[in-house]
Amino acid sequence: MSALRTLEIYCASFVALLVFASAEAVLAGHESGSHIVPLAAAEIVGALALLSRHTRLTGACVLLAVFAFAQVLSALAGHWPTQFLQYAASTLLILALGRALTKAPSA
């Protein structure tokens, strides 16, 4: 299996995780804070955009903004979860590695 194919599978798995978690948040939005539903909806849009090479940069920017905003909201509530940093790192990995692999000369 090629490195590019492995990255595509990782990206699809990451997107599935984000969409599933965000859909749960949207469905339970009235039980959480007032910012949950718009953040979760934006996260779904950004995650789905990450699937296409043509919209990957836009999707990554949306996701990074959502993760930063969610981290700030958590910090204001007195919580310091690390999952947003992990999600941001995965997003940057997908973006950077995807660019490197598509620009690399074929062997």
Protein backbone atom coordinates (compact mmCIF):
# COMPACT_ATOMS: atom_id res chain seq x y z
CA MET A 1 0.00 0.00 0.00
CA SER A 2 1.36 3.41 -0.95
CA ALA A 3 1.93 6.22 1.53
CA LEU A 4 -0.68 8.34 -0.27
CA ARG A 5 -3.29 5.58 0.02
CA THR A 6 -2.47 5.16 3.73
CA LEU A 7 -2.95 8.89 4.23
CA GLU A 8 -6.29 8.79 2.40
CA ILE A 9 -7.49 6.00 4.69
CA TYR A 10 -6.29 7.91 7.77
CA CYS A 11 -8.02 11.06 6.52
CA ALA A 12 -11.30 9.21 5.88
CA SER A 13 -11.15 7.66 9.37
CA PHE A 14 -10.41 11.02 10.98
CA VAL A 15 -13.27 12.67 9.08
CA ALA A 16 -15.67 9.86 10.08
CA LEU A 17 -14.70 10.32 13.74
CA LEU A 18 -15.21 14.09 13.58
CA VAL A 19 -18.54 13.85 11.74
CA PHE A 20 -19.87 11.22 14.13
CA ALA A 21 -18.82 13.17 17.24
CA SER A 22 -20.12 16.44 15.83
CA ALA A 23 -23.45 14.89 14.83
CA GLU A 24 -23.84 13.65 18.40
CA ALA A 25 -23.11 17.17 19.64
CA VAL A 26 -25.67 18.68 17.25
CA LEU A 27 -28.32 16.20 18.40
CA ALA A 28 -27.59 16.91 22.06
CA GLY A 29 -26.95 20.63 21.48
CA HIS A 30 -29.78 21.91 23.65
CA GLU A 31 -28.25 20.08 26.63
CA SER A 32 -24.83 21.72 26.22
CA GLY A 33 -23.68 25.29 25.86
CA SER A 34 -25.14 27.67 23.31
CA HIS A 35 -22.02 27.51 21.11
CA ILE A 36 -22.07 23.75 20.64
CA VAL A 37 -24.44 23.48 17.67
CA PRO A 38 -22.77 26.10 15.42
CA LEU A 39 -19.31 24.76 16.30
CA ALA A 40 -20.33 21.17 15.62
CA ALA A 41 -21.97 22.14 12.33
CA ALA A 42 -18.85 24.04 11.24
CA GLU A 43 -16.74 21.04 12.25
CA ILE A 44 -18.85 18.74 10.05
CA VAL A 45 -18.48 21.09 7.07
CA GLY A 46 -14.72 21.44 7.62
CA ALA A 47 -14.24 17.71 8.07
CA LEU A 48 -16.13 16.87 4.89
CA ALA A 49 -14.09 19.47 2.99
CA LEU A 50 -10.94 17.72 4.19
CA LEU A 51 -11.86 14.68 2.08
CA SER A 52 -11.24 16.38 -1.27
CA ARG A 53 -7.80 17.52 -2.34
CA HIS A 54 -9.41 20.59 -3.93
CA THR A 55 -11.05 21.77 -0.69
CA ARG A 56 -8.58 20.34 1.81
CA LEU A 57 -6.91 23.66 2.68
CA THR A 58 -10.26 25.37 3.28
CA GLY A 59 -11.47 22.44 5.37
CA ALA A 60 -8.29 22.46 7.42
CA CYS A 61 -8.62 26.19 8.09
CA VAL A 62 -12.23 25.74 9.22
CA LEU A 63 -11.28 22.83 11.47
CA LEU A 64 -8.33 24.64 13.03
CA ALA A 65 -10.54 27.65 13.78
CA VAL A 66 -13.20 25.39 15.34
CA PHE A 67 -10.62 23.56 17.47
CA ALA A 68 -9.08 26.85 18.65
CA PHE A 69 -12.49 28.29 19.53
CA ALA A 70 -13.50 25.10 21.34
CA GLN A 71 -10.24 25.15 23.30
CA VAL A 72 -10.82 28.76 24.35
CA LEU A 73 -14.39 27.99 25.44
CA SER A 74 -13.16 25.00 27.44
CA ALA A 75 -10.45 27.08 29.07
CA LEU A 76 -12.97 29.76 30.02
CA ALA A 77 -15.04 27.01 31.64
CA GLY A 78 -11.98 25.91 33.63
CA HIS A 79 -11.20 22.79 31.58
CA TRP A 80 -8.02 22.08 29.65
CA PRO A 81 -8.78 19.12 27.38
CA THR A 82 -6.00 17.98 25.06
CA GLN A 83 -8.15 16.39 22.34
CA PHE A 84 -8.42 19.68 20.44
CA LEU A 85 -4.63 19.84 20.17
CA GLN A 86 -4.59 16.23 18.96
CA TYR A 87 -7.29 17.00 16.37
CA ALA A 88 -5.37 20.05 15.21
CA ALA A 89 -2.17 18.00 14.90
CA SER A 90 -4.01 15.38 12.83
CA THR A 91 -5.45 18.08 10.59
CA LEU A 92 -2.01 19.60 10.02
CA LEU A 93 -0.52 16.15 9.38
CA ILE A 94 -3.14 15.40 6.73
CA LEU A 95 -2.59 18.77 5.08
CA ALA A 96 1.22 18.76 5.13
CA LEU A 97 1.75 15.10 4.31
CA GLY A 98 -0.84 15.23 1.53
CA ARG A 99 0.97 18.13 -0.08
CA ALA A 100 4.36 16.48 0.28
CA LEU A 101 3.18 13.18 -1.18
CA THR A 102 1.42 14.72 -4.16
CA LYS A 103 4.49 16.85 -5.00
CA ALA A 104 7.00 14.02 -4.51
CA PRO A 105 8.43 12.54 -7.71
CA SER A 106 7.22 9.03 -8.53
CA ALA A 107 9.72 6.28 -7.88
